[in-house]
Every structure is written in C-alpha cells, then in structure tokens.
C-alpha cells in the first residue's frame, strides 16, 4: 500500500573526498562498483564545491553519494506535526491580524 502522506527524501548516504577519486581508471572502476553494491544503482554522486565544515576558514569541495528514499515513519510523523503546528500558528496570526485591521478600519 502506498502512503500518500509519505514524501521522498534526497538523503546524503556518504561523503567522498575528491582525493579518493584521484586514482587510475581501474581503481576508480572498483571503487564505483563498491559504491553501487553498497548504495544501489539509483544513487548519485554529487559535487558540492562550497561545503563548509565547522571551524573551516574556507569551503572544502566534496563529493556526496545521495539516494532518494521514502521518509521513515518517525520522519513523517515529525514533519506532519511540524506542518500542523505551522498551520495552527499561521491561522492564529491571521485571526489576530483580521481583528486588528477590523478595529483599525472600524468595520
């Protein structure tokens, strides 16, 4: 059964140093085959040239293995709770703003 409330998450599965990919094509092929075995053929290798780590003075370019996966039950419940709270807060603010404008404009 497909849960229509469940969203897909583009999750970072692993970090890959650019130095790890600086090797012969044969070694690179072996490494990539290992990534495919571990993360699946649908995983992607993404480049982030502006990755900042805590206490870094400049960005550290890095590769990431990412994979789209469905959110877990805990993540879905947390997201729905946050969205519900945000909706409630927005409605409360709109009601207060409506009352303020109604009092200001006298209608």
PDB file of N, CA and C in Angstrom:
ATOM      1  N   UNK A   1       0.837  -1.185   0.000  1.00  0.00           N
ATOM      2  CA  UNK A   1       0.000   0.000   0.000  1.00  0.00           C
ATOM      3  C   UNK A   1       0.883   1.250   0.000  1.00  0.00           C
ATOM      4  N   UNK A   2       0.580   2.175  -0.864  1.00  0.00           N
ATOM      5  CA  UNK A   2       1.361   3.404  -0.957  1.00  0.00           C
ATOM      6  C   UNK A   2       0.763   4.429  -0.014  1.00  0.00           C
ATOM      7  N   UNK A   3       1.598   5.021   0.805  1.00  0.00           N
ATOM      8  CA  UNK A   3       1.159   6.050   1.739  1.00  0.00           C
ATOM      9  C   UNK A   3       1.309   7.399   1.055  1.00  0.00           C
ATOM     10  N   UNK A   4       0.180   8.063   0.778  1.00  0.00           N
ATOM     11  CA  UNK A   4       0.215   9.323   0.041  1.00  0.00           C
ATOM     12  C   UNK A   4       0.820  10.454   0.859  1.00  0.00           C
ATOM     13  N   UNK A   5       0.875  10.289   2.188  1.00  0.00           N
ATOM     14  CA  UNK A   5       1.466  11.318   3.044  1.00  0.00           C
ATOM     15  C   UNK A   5       2.981  11.220   3.110  1.00  0.00           C
ATOM     16  N   UNK A   6       3.516  10.099   2.688  1.00  0.00           N
ATOM     17  CA  UNK A   6       4.956   9.875   2.778  1.00  0.00           C
ATOM     18  C   UNK A   6       5.659  10.605   1.634  1.00  0.00           C
ATOM     19  N   UNK A   7       6.705  11.332   1.954  1.00  0.00           N
ATOM     20  CA  UNK A   7       7.473  12.065   0.948  1.00  0.00           C
ATOM     21  C   UNK A   7       8.816  11.384   0.721  1.00  0.00           C
ATOM     22  N   UNK A   8       9.414  11.697  -0.405  1.00  0.00           N
ATOM     23  CA  UNK A   8      10.753  11.191  -0.691  1.00  0.00           C
ATOM     24  C   UNK A   8      11.789  12.185  -0.194  1.00  0.00           C
ATOM     25  N   UNK A   9      12.879  11.666   0.316  1.00  0.00           N
ATOM     26  CA  UNK A   9      13.965  12.478   0.842  1.00  0.00           C
ATOM     27  C   UNK A   9      15.211  12.186   0.023  1.00  0.00           C
ATOM     28  N   UNK A  10      15.892  13.226  -0.416  1.00  0.00           N
ATOM     29  CA  UNK A  10      17.173  13.075  -1.101  1.00  0.00           C
ATOM     30  C   UNK A  10      18.251  13.079  -0.026  1.00  0.00           C
ATOM     31  N   UNK A  11      18.583  11.891   0.456  1.00  0.00           N
ATOM     32  CA  UNK A  11      19.444  11.755   1.633  1.00  0.00           C
ATOM     33  C   UNK A  11      20.905  11.588   1.248  1.00  0.00           C
ATOM     34  N   UNK A  12      21.781  12.237   2.018  1.00  0.00           N
ATOM     35  CA  UNK A  12      23.224  12.021   1.865  1.00  0.00           C
ATOM     36  C   UNK A  12      23.565  10.706   2.537  1.00  0.00           C
ATOM     37  N   UNK A  13      24.091   9.790   1.751  1.00  0.00           N
ATOM     38  CA  UNK A  13      24.419   8.471   2.275  1.00  0.00           C
ATOM     39  C   UNK A  13      25.877   8.382   2.715  1.00  0.00           C
ATOM     40  N   UNK A  14      26.750   9.094   2.012  1.00  0.00           N
ATOM     41  CA  UNK A  14      28.177   9.035   2.335  1.00  0.00           C
ATOM     42  C   UNK A  14      28.878  10.259   1.758  1.00  0.00           C
ATOM     43  N   UNK A  15      29.993  10.585   2.338  1.00  0.00           N
ATOM     44  CA  UNK A  15      30.855  11.666   1.854  1.00  0.00           C
ATOM     45  C   UNK A  15      32.065  11.023   1.187  1.00  0.00           C
ATOM     46  N   UNK A  16      32.448  11.572   0.030  1.00  0.00           N
ATOM     47  CA  UNK A  16      33.582  11.031  -0.716  1.00  0.00           C
ATOM     48  C   UNK A  16      34.567  12.166  -0.975  1.00  0.00           C
ATOM     49  N   UNK A  17      35.758  12.028  -0.481  1.00  0.00           N
ATOM     50  CA  UNK A  17      36.784  13.038  -0.700  1.00  0.00           C
ATOM     51  C   UNK A  17      37.198  13.042  -2.166  1.00  0.00           C
ATOM     52  N   UNK A  18      37.436  14.218  -2.735  1.00  0.00           N
ATOM     53  CA  UNK A  18      37.938  14.253  -4.112  1.00  0.00           C
ATOM     54  C   UNK A  18      39.241  13.466  -4.269  1.00  0.00           C
ATOM     55  N   UNK A  19      40.027  13.385  -3.215  1.00  0.00           N
ATOM     56  CA  UNK A  19      41.276  12.639  -3.264  1.00  0.00           C
ATOM     57  C   UNK A  19      41.031  11.138  -3.429  1.00  0.00           C
ATOM     58  N   UNK A  20      39.879  10.661  -2.937  1.00  0.00           N
ATOM     59  CA  UNK A  20      39.545   9.246  -3.101  1.00  0.00           C
ATOM     60  C   UNK A  20      39.288   8.891  -4.565  1.00  0.00           C
ATOM     61  N   UNK A  21      38.916   9.883  -5.362  1.00  0.00           N
ATOM     62  CA  UNK A  21      38.612   9.631  -6.774  1.00  0.00           C
ATOM     63  C   UNK A  21      39.802   9.937  -7.677  1.00  0.00           C
ATOM     64  N   UNK A  22      40.893  10.352  -7.075  1.00  0.00           N
ATOM     65  CA  UNK A  22      42.099  10.649  -7.841  1.00  0.00           C
ATOM     66  C   UNK A  22      42.957   9.394  -7.877  1.00  0.00           C
ATOM     67  N   UNK A  23      42.684   8.534  -8.871  1.00  0.00           N
ATOM     68  CA  UNK A  23      43.398   7.264  -8.978  1.00  0.00           C
ATOM     69  C   UNK A  23      43.322   6.783 -10.421  1.00  0.00           C
ATOM     70  N   UNK A  24      43.816   5.599 -10.652  1.00  0.00           N
ATOM     71  CA  UNK A  24      43.745   5.050 -12.012  1.00  0.00           C
ATOM     72  C   UNK A  24      42.291   4.723 -12.334  1.00  0.00           C
ATOM     73  N   UNK A  25      41.991   4.585 -13.607  1.00  0.00           N
ATOM     74  CA  UNK A  25      40.627   4.263 -14.011  1.00  0.00           C
ATOM     75  C   UNK A  25      40.202   2.889 -13.499  1.00  0.00           C
ATOM     76  N   UNK A  26      41.129   1.964 -13.440  1.00  0.00           N
ATOM     77  CA  UNK A  26      40.822   0.638 -12.900  1.00  0.00           C
ATOM     78  C   UNK A  26      40.442   0.709 -11.428  1.00  0.00           C
ATOM     79  N   UNK A  27      41.227   1.470 -10.638  1.00  0.00           N
ATOM     80  CA  UNK A  27      40.913   1.649  -9.218  1.00  0.00           C
ATOM     81  C   UNK A  27      39.600   2.395  -9.045  1.00  0.00           C
ATOM     82  N   UNK A  28      39.383   3.384  -9.897  1.00  0.00           N
ATOM     83  CA  UNK A  28      38.144   4.161  -9.842  1.00  0.00           C
ATOM     84  C   UNK A  28      36.943   3.269 -10.157  1.00  0.00           C
ATOM     85  N   UNK A  29      37.090   2.394 -11.148  1.00  0.00           N
ATOM     86  CA  UNK A  29      36.022   1.465 -11.513  1.00  0.00           C
ATOM     87  C   UNK A  29      35.683   0.563 -10.328  1.00  0.00           C
ATOM     88  N   UNK A  30      36.689   0.045  -9.657  1.00  0.00           N
ATOM     89  CA  UNK A  30      36.473  -0.813  -8.494  1.00  0.00           C
ATOM     90  C   UNK A  30      35.761  -0.059  -7.384  1.00  0.00           C
ATOM     91  N   UNK A  31      36.195   1.172  -7.155  1.00  0.00           N
ATOM     92  CA  UNK A  31      35.583   1.995  -6.107  1.00  0.00           C
ATOM     93  C   UNK A  31      34.111   2.280  -6.438  1.00  0.00           C
ATOM     94  N   UNK A  32      33.832   2.645  -7.704  1.00  0.00           N
ATOM     95  CA  UNK A  32      32.461   2.944  -8.121  1.00  0.00           C
ATOM     96  C   UNK A  32      31.591   1.690  -8.021  1.00  0.00           C
ATOM     97  N   UNK A  33      32.118   0.547  -8.411  1.00  0.00           N
ATOM     98  CA  UNK A  33      31.367  -0.701  -8.287  1.00  0.00           C
ATOM     99  C   UNK A  33      31.035  -1.000  -6.823  1.00  0.00           C
ATOM    100  N   UNK A  34      31.963  -0.668  -5.918  1.00  0.00           N
ATOM    101  CA  UNK A  34      31.698  -0.824  -4.483  1.00  0.00           C
ATOM    102  C   UNK A  34      30.580   0.096  -4.028  1.00  0.00           C
ATOM    103  N   UNK A  35      30.584   1.344  -4.513  1.00  0.00           N
ATOM    104  CA  UNK A  35      29.503   2.286  -4.167  1.00  0.00           C
ATOM    105  C   UNK A  35      28.171   1.770  -4.683  1.00  0.00           C
ATOM    106  N   UNK A  36      28.161   1.239  -5.911  1.00  0.00           N
ATOM    107  CA  UNK A  36      26.922   0.709  -6.482  1.00  0.00           C
ATOM    108  C   UNK A  36      26.422  -0.469  -5.664  1.00  0.00           C
ATOM    109  N   UNK A  37      27.326  -1.348  -5.255  1.00  0.00           N
ATOM    110  CA  UNK A  37      26.945  -2.506  -4.447  1.00  0.00           C
ATOM    111  C   UNK A  37      26.368  -2.066  -3.102  1.00  0.00           C
ATOM    112  N   UNK A  38      26.989  -1.047  -2.491  1.00  0.00           N
ATOM    113  CA  UNK A  38      26.554  -0.605  -1.168  1.00  0.00           C
ATOM    114  C   UNK A  38      25.306   0.265  -1.205  1.00  0.00           C
ATOM    115  N   UNK A  39      25.192   1.172  -2.196  1.00  0.00           N
ATOM    116  CA  UNK A  39      24.108   2.164  -2.208  1.00  0.00           C
ATOM    117  C   UNK A  39      23.085   1.963  -3.319  1.00  0.00           C
ATOM    118  N   UNK A  40      23.357   1.069  -4.268  1.00  0.00           N
ATOM    119  CA  UNK A  40      22.412   0.803  -5.347  1.00  0.00           C
ATOM    120  C   UNK A  40      22.708   1.639  -6.581  1.00  0.00           C
ATOM    121  N   UNK A  41      22.146   1.190  -7.707  1.00  0.00           N
ATOM    122  CA  UNK A  41      22.410   1.859  -8.980  1.00  0.00           C
ATOM    123  C   UNK A  41      21.722   3.204  -9.112  1.00  0.00           C
ATOM    124  N   UNK A  42      20.714   3.474  -8.289  1.00  0.00           N
ATOM    125  CA  UNK A  42      19.995   4.742  -8.377  1.00  0.00           C
ATOM    126  C   UNK A  42      20.628   5.853  -7.543  1.00  0.00           C
ATOM    127  N   UNK A  43      21.653   5.530  -6.794  1.00  0.00           N
ATOM    128  CA  UNK A  43      22.354   6.556  -6.014  1.00  0.00           C
ATOM    129  C   UNK A  43      23.122   7.467  -6.969  1.00  0.00           C
ATOM    130  N   UNK A  44      23.326   8.705  -6.542  1.00  0.00           N
ATOM    131  CA  UNK A  44      24.053   9.661  -7.378  1.00  0.00           C
ATOM    132  C   UNK A  44      25.306  10.138  -6.653  1.00  0.00           C
ATOM    133  N   UNK A  45      26.270  10.561  -7.434  1.00  0.00           N
ATOM    134  CA  UNK A  45      27.498  11.149  -6.906  1.00  0.00           C
ATOM    135  C   UNK A  45      27.418  12.645  -7.211  1.00  0.00           C
ATOM    136  N   UNK A  46      27.201  13.450  -6.177  1.00  0.00           N
ATOM    137  CA  UNK A  46      27.002  14.894  -6.335  1.00  0.00           C
ATOM    138  C   UNK A  46      28.207  15.665  -5.825  1.00  0.00           C
ATOM    139  N   UNK A  47      28.523  16.744  -6.497  1.00  0.00           N
ATOM    140  CA  UNK A  47      29.654  17.610  -6.180  1.00  0.00           C
ATOM    141  C   UNK A  47      29.153  18.837  -5.434  1.00  0.00           C
ATOM    142  N   UNK A  48      29.784  19.165  -4.335  1.00  0.00           N
ATOM    143  CA  UNK A  48      29.477  20.388  -3.587  1.00  0.00           C
ATOM    144  C   UNK A  48      30.778  21.166  -3.439  1.00  0.00           C
ATOM    145  N   UNK A  49      30.939  22.185  -4.263  1.00  0.00           N
ATOM    146  CA  UNK A  49      32.175  22.975  -4.262  1.00  0.00           C
ATOM    147  C   UNK A  49      32.246  23.930  -3.079  1.00  0.00           C
ATOM    148  N   UNK A  50      31.124  24.165  -2.418  1.00  0.00           N
ATOM    149  CA  UNK A  50      31.080  25.165  -1.348  1.00  0.00           C
ATOM    150  C   UNK A  50      30.670  24.572  -0.008  1.00  0.00           C
ATOM    151  N   UNK A  51      31.099  23.372   0.284  1.00  0.00           N
ATOM    152  CA  UNK A  51      30.760  22.726   1.551  1.00  0.00           C
ATOM    153  C   UNK A  51      31.588  23.339   2.675  1.00  0.00           C
ATOM    154  N   UNK A  52      30.900  23.835   3.690  1.00  0.00           N
ATOM    155  CA  UNK A  52      31.580  24.426   4.857  1.00  0.00           C
ATOM    156  C   UNK A  52      31.438  23.476   6.031  1.00  0.00           C
ATOM    157  N   UNK A  53      32.537  23.203   6.677  1.00  0.00           N
ATOM    158  CA  UNK A  53      32.543  22.386   7.879  1.00  0.00           C
ATOM    159  C   UNK A  53      32.784  23.296   9.077  1.00  0.00           C
ATOM    160  N   UNK A  54      32.342  22.875  10.263  1.00  0.00           N
ATOM    161  CA  UNK A  54      32.578  23.704  11.442  1.00  0.00           C
ATOM    162  C   UNK A  54      34.062  24.040  11.597  1.00  0.00           C
ATOM    163  N   UNK A  55      34.316  25.271  11.868  1.00  0.00           N
ATOM    164  CA  UNK A  55      35.661  25.787  12.133  1.00  0.00           C
ATOM    165  C   UNK A  55      36.545  25.891  10.896  1.00  0.00           C
ATOM    166  N   UNK A  56      35.992  25.651   9.714  1.00  0.00           N
ATOM    167  CA  UNK A  56      36.766  25.847   8.485  1.00  0.00           C
ATOM    168  C   UNK A  56      36.873  27.333   8.166  1.00  0.00           C
ATOM    169  N   UNK A  57      37.980  27.723   7.615  1.00  0.00           N
ATOM    170  CA  UNK A  57      38.170  29.109   7.192  1.00  0.00           C
ATOM    171  C   UNK A  57      37.773  29.315   5.741  1.00  0.00           C
ATOM    172  N   UNK A  58      37.623  28.231   5.012  1.00  0.00           N
ATOM    173  CA  UNK A  58      37.217  28.305   3.605  1.00  0.00           C
ATOM    174  C   UNK A  58      36.443  27.036   3.263  1.00  0.00           C
ATOM    175  N   UNK A  59      35.681  27.051   2.176  1.00  0.00           N
ATOM    176  CA  UNK A  59      34.911  25.855   1.824  1.00  0.00           C
ATOM    177  C   UNK A  59      35.815  24.696   1.421  1.00  0.00           C
ATOM    178  N   UNK A  60      35.330  23.494   1.642  1.00  0.00           N
ATOM    179  CA  UNK A  60      36.056  22.270   1.292  1.00  0.00           C
ATOM    180  C   UNK A  60      35.259  21.507   0.244  1.00  0.00           C
ATOM    181  N   UNK A  61      35.660  21.584  -1.020  1.00  0.00           N
ATOM    182  CA  UNK A  61      34.924  20.861  -2.062  1.00  0.00           C
ATOM    183  C   UNK A  61      34.881  19.369  -1.756  1.00  0.00           C
ATOM    184  N   UNK A  62      33.695  18.786  -1.905  1.00  0.00           N
ATOM    185  CA  UNK A  62      33.497  17.391  -1.539  1.00  0.00           C
ATOM    186  C   UNK A  62      32.443  16.756  -2.433  1.00  0.00           C
ATOM    187  N   UNK A  63      32.558  15.458  -2.648  1.00  0.00           N
ATOM    188  CA  UNK A  63      31.531  14.676  -3.313  1.00  0.00           C
ATOM    189  C   UNK A  63      30.655  14.016  -2.260  1.00  0.00           C
ATOM    190  N   UNK A  64      29.391  13.808  -2.599  1.00  0.00           N
ATOM    191  CA  UNK A  64      28.469  13.100  -1.728  1.00  0.00           C
ATOM    192  C   UNK A  64      27.731  12.048  -2.525  1.00  0.00           C
ATOM    193  N   UNK A  65      27.531  10.905  -1.922  1.00  0.00           N
ATOM    194  CA  UNK A  65      26.660   9.906  -2.517  1.00  0.00           C
ATOM    195  C   UNK A  65      25.281  10.158  -1.921  1.00  0.00           C
ATOM    196  N   UNK A  66      24.322  10.403  -2.804  1.00  0.00           N
ATOM    197  CA  UNK A  66      22.957  10.686  -2.370  1.00  0.00           C
ATOM    198  C   UNK A  66      22.005   9.673  -2.981  1.00  0.00           C
ATOM    199  N   UNK A  67      20.926   9.452  -2.275  1.00  0.00           N
ATOM    200  CA  UNK A  67      19.929   8.500  -2.746  1.00  0.00           C
ATOM    201  C   UNK A  67      18.548   8.977  -2.310  1.00  0.00           C
ATOM    202  N   UNK A  68      17.604   8.893  -3.220  1.00  0.00           N
ATOM    203  CA  UNK A  68      16.229   9.233  -2.889  1.00  0.00           C
ATOM    204  C   UNK A  68      15.621   8.039  -2.174  1.00  0.00           C
ATOM    205  N   UNK A  69      15.045   8.319  -1.000  1.00  0.00           N
ATOM    206  CA  UNK A  69      14.423   7.254  -0.224  1.00  0.00           C
ATOM    207  C   UNK A  69      13.139   7.795   0.398  1.00  0.00           C
ATOM    208  N   UNK A  70      12.187   6.930   0.673  1.00  0.00           N
ATOM    209  CA  UNK A  70      10.976   7.398   1.351  1.00  0.00           C
ATOM    210  C   UNK A  70      11.299   7.747   2.803  1.00  0.00           C
ATOM    211  N   UNK A  71      10.619   8.752   3.319  1.00  0.00           N
ATOM    212  CA  UNK A  71      10.865   9.114   4.711  1.00  0.00           C
ATOM    213  C   UNK A  71      10.368   8.009   5.632  1.00  0.00           C
ATOM    214  N   UNK A  72      11.013   7.884   6.765  1.00  0.00           N
ATOM    215  CA  UNK A  72      10.637   6.860   7.738  1.00  0.00           C
ATOM    216  C   UNK A  72       9.353   7.278   8.447  1.00  0.00           C
ATOM    217  N   UNK A  73       8.768   6.356   9.192  1.00  0.00           N
ATOM    218  CA  UNK A  73       7.557   6.669   9.945  1.00  0.00           C
ATOM    219  C   UNK A  73       7.803   7.820  10.919  1.00  0.00           C
ATOM    220  N   UNK A  74       8.942   7.772  11.603  1.00  0.00           N
ATOM    221  CA  UNK A  74       9.278   8.820  12.581  1.00  0.00           C
ATOM    222  C   UNK A  74       9.427  10.171  11.879  1.00  0.00           C
ATOM    223  N   UNK A  75      10.129  10.195  10.730  1.00  0.00           N
ATOM    224  CA  UNK A  75      10.306  11.442   9.980  1.00  0.00           C
ATOM    225  C   UNK A  75       8.974  11.977   9.481  1.00  0.00           C
ATOM    226  N   UNK A  76       8.092  11.083   9.022  1.00  0.00           N
ATOM    227  CA  UNK A  76       6.790  11.512   8.520  1.00  0.00           C
ATOM    228  C   UNK A  76       5.946  12.099   9.647  1.00  0.00           C
ATOM    229  N   UNK A  77       5.910  11.435  10.792  1.00  0.00           N
ATOM    230  CA  UNK A  77       5.134  11.936  11.930  1.00  0.00           C
ATOM    231  C   UNK A  77       5.671  13.287  12.386  1.00  0.00           C
ATOM    232  N   UNK A  78       6.997  13.423  12.457  1.00  0.00           N
ATOM    233  CA  UNK A  78       7.616  14.685  12.847  1.00  0.00           C
ATOM    234  C   UNK A  78       7.259  15.802  11.870  1.00  0.00           C
ATOM    235  N   UNK A  79       7.333  15.519  10.563  1.00  0.00           N
ATOM    236  CA  UNK A  79       7.020  16.526   9.548  1.00  0.00           C
ATOM    237  C   UNK A  79       5.551  16.937   9.613  1.00  0.00           C
ATOM    238  N   UNK A  80       4.650  15.950   9.735  1.00  0.00           N
ATOM    239  CA  UNK A  80       3.223  16.265   9.801  1.00  0.00           C
ATOM    240  C   UNK A  80       2.920  17.083  11.056  1.00  0.00           C
ATOM    241  N   UNK A  81       3.565  16.764  12.152  1.00  0.00           N
ATOM    242  CA  UNK A  81       3.385  17.526  13.396  1.00  0.00           C
ATOM    243  C   UNK A  81       3.861  18.969  13.212  1.00  0.00           C
ATOM    244  N   UNK A  82       5.057  19.140  12.609  1.00  0.00           N
ATOM    245  CA  UNK A  82       5.574  20.496  12.376  1.00  0.00           C
ATOM    246  C   UNK A  82       4.671  21.275  11.428  1.00  0.00           C
ATOM    247  N   UNK A  83       4.193  20.616  10.364  1.00  0.00           N
ATOM    248  CA  UNK A  83       3.310  21.295   9.414  1.00  0.00           C
ATOM    249  C   UNK A  83       1.996  21.697  10.081  1.00  0.00           C
ATOM    250  N   UNK A  84       1.454  20.808  10.935  1.00  0.00           N
ATOM    251  CA  UNK A  84       0.216  21.119  11.659  1.00  0.00           C
ATOM    252  C   UNK A  84       0.402  22.291  12.598  1.00  0.00           C
ATOM    253  N   UNK A  85       1.534  22.331  13.290  1.00  0.00           N
ATOM    254  CA  UNK A  85       1.827  23.438  14.200  1.00  0.00           C
ATOM    255  C   UNK A  85       1.978  24.739  13.429  1.00  0.00           C
ATOM    256  N   UNK A  86       2.668  24.690  12.291  1.00  0.00           N
ATOM    257  CA  UNK A  86       2.842  25.891  11.468  1.00  0.00           C
ATOM    258  C   UNK A  86       1.497  26.387  10.954  1.00  0.00           C
ATOM    259  N   UNK A  87       0.614  25.474  10.541  1.00  0.00           N
ATOM    260  CA  UNK A  87      -0.726  25.875  10.077  1.00  0.00           C
ATOM    261  C   UNK A  87      -1.516  26.529  11.197  1.00  0.00           C
ATOM    262  N   UNK A  88      -1.440  25.940  12.390  1.00  0.00           N
ATOM    263  CA  UNK A  88      -2.157  26.491  13.545  1.00  0.00           C
ATOM    264  C   UNK A  88      -1.642  27.899  13.879  1.00  0.00           C
ATOM    265  N   UNK A  89      -0.319  28.070  13.889  1.00  0.00           N
ATOM    266  CA  UNK A  89       0.262  29.378  14.191  1.00  0.00           C
ATOM    267  C   UNK A  89      -0.116  30.407  13.121  1.00  0.00           C
ATOM    268  N   UNK A  90      -0.115  29.987  11.852  1.00  0.00           N
ATOM    269  CA  UNK A  90      -0.485  30.900  10.767  1.00  0.00           C
ATOM    270  C   UNK A  90      -1.942  31.323  10.904  1.00  0.00           C
ATOM    271  N   UNK A  91      -2.832  30.397  11.216  1.00  0.00           N
ATOM    272  CA  UNK A  91      -4.257  30.721  11.380  1.00  0.00           C
ATOM    273  C   UNK A  91      -4.465  31.668  12.558  1.00  0.00           C
ATOM    274  N   UNK A  92      -3.776  31.418  13.668  1.00  0.00           N
ATOM    275  CA  UNK A  92      -3.878  32.315  14.828  1.00  0.00           C
ATOM    276  C   UNK A  92      -3.407  33.714  14.461  1.00  0.00           C
ATOM    277  N   UNK A  93      -2.288  33.808  13.729  1.00  0.00           N
ATOM    278  CA  UNK A  93      -1.778  35.109  13.316  1.00  0.00           C
ATOM    279  C   UNK A  93      -2.774  35.797  12.389  1.00  0.00           C
ATOM    280  N   UNK A  94      -3.367  35.064  11.443  1.00  0.00           N
ATOM    281  CA  UNK A  94      -4.331  35.649  10.513  1.00  0.00           C
ATOM    282  C   UNK A  94      -5.562  36.170  11.247  1.00  0.00           C
ATOM    283  N   UNK A  95      -6.031  35.418  12.259  1.00  0.00           N
ATOM    284  CA  UNK A  95      -7.185  35.874  13.039  1.00  0.00           C
ATOM    285  C   UNK A  95      -6.864  37.148  13.808  1.00  0.00           C
ATOM    286  N   UNK A  96      -5.682  37.190  14.427  1.00  0.00           N
ATOM    287  CA  UNK A  96      -5.273  38.400  15.153  1.00  0.00           C
ATOM    288  C   UNK A  96      -5.135  39.585  14.201  1.00  0.00           C
ATOM    289  N   UNK A  97      -4.552  39.340  13.035  1.00  0.00           N
ATOM    290  CA  UNK A  97      -4.380  40.407  12.043  1.00  0.00           C
ATOM    291  C   UNK A  97      -5.735  40.881  11.536  1.00  0.00           C
ATOM    292  N   UNK A  98      -6.667  39.964  11.338  1.00  0.00           N
ATOM    293  CA  UNK A  98      -8.010  40.335  10.898  1.00  0.00           C
ATOM    294  C   UNK A  98      -8.683  41.219  11.945  1.00  0.00           C
ATOM    295  N   UNK A  99      -8.587  40.807  13.211  1.00  0.00           N
ATOM    296  CA  UNK A  99      -9.194  41.607  14.299  1.00  0.00           C
ATOM    297  C   UNK A  99      -8.523  42.974  14.402  1.00  0.00           C
ATOM    298  N   UNK A 100      -7.230  43.033  14.246  1.00  0.00           N
ATOM    299  CA  UNK A 100      -6.511  44.306  14.308  1.00  0.00           C
ATOM    300  C   UNK A 100      -6.956  45.226  13.178  1.00  0.00           C
ATOM    301  N   UNK A 101      -7.049  44.719  11.982  1.00  0.00           N
ATOM    302  CA  UNK A 101      -7.463  45.538  10.840  1.00  0.00           C
ATOM    303  C   UNK A 101      -8.923  45.945  10.947  1.00  0.00           C
ATOM    304  N   UNK A 102      -9.740  45.027  11.467  1.00  0.00           N
ATOM    305  CA  UNK A 102     -11.164  45.339  11.648  1.00  0.00           C
ATOM    306  C   UNK A 102     -11.317  46.489  12.651  1.00  0.00           C
ATOM    307  N   UNK A 103     -10.533  46.449  13.735  1.00  0.00           N
ATOM    308  CA  UNK A 103     -10.593  47.522  14.727  1.00  0.00           C
ATOM    309  C   UNK A 103     -10.024  48.822  14.147  1.00  0.00           C
ATOM    310  N   UNK A 104      -8.978  48.715  13.377  1.00  0.00           N
ATOM    311  CA  UNK A 104      -8.346  49.903  12.799  1.00  0.00           C
ATOM    312  C   UNK A 104      -9.233  50.561  11.758  1.00  0.00           C
ATOM    313  N   UNK A 105      -9.868  49.787  10.940  1.00  0.00           N
ATOM    314  CA  UNK A 105     -10.687  50.327   9.856  1.00  0.00           C
ATOM    315  C   UNK A 105     -12.137  50.541  10.274  1.00  0.00           C
ATOM    316  N   UNK A 106     -12.494  50.037  11.462  1.00  0.00           N
ATOM    317  CA  UNK A 106     -13.821  50.285  12.011  1.00  0.00           C
ATOM    318  C   UNK A 106     -14.951  49.587  11.265  1.00  0.00           C
ATOM    319  N   UNK A 107     -14.714  48.422  10.748  1.00  0.00           N
ATOM    320  CA  UNK A 107     -15.781  47.730  10.031  1.00  0.00           C
ATOM    321  C   UNK A 107     -16.120  46.425  10.685  1.00  0.00           C
TER     322      UNK A 107
END
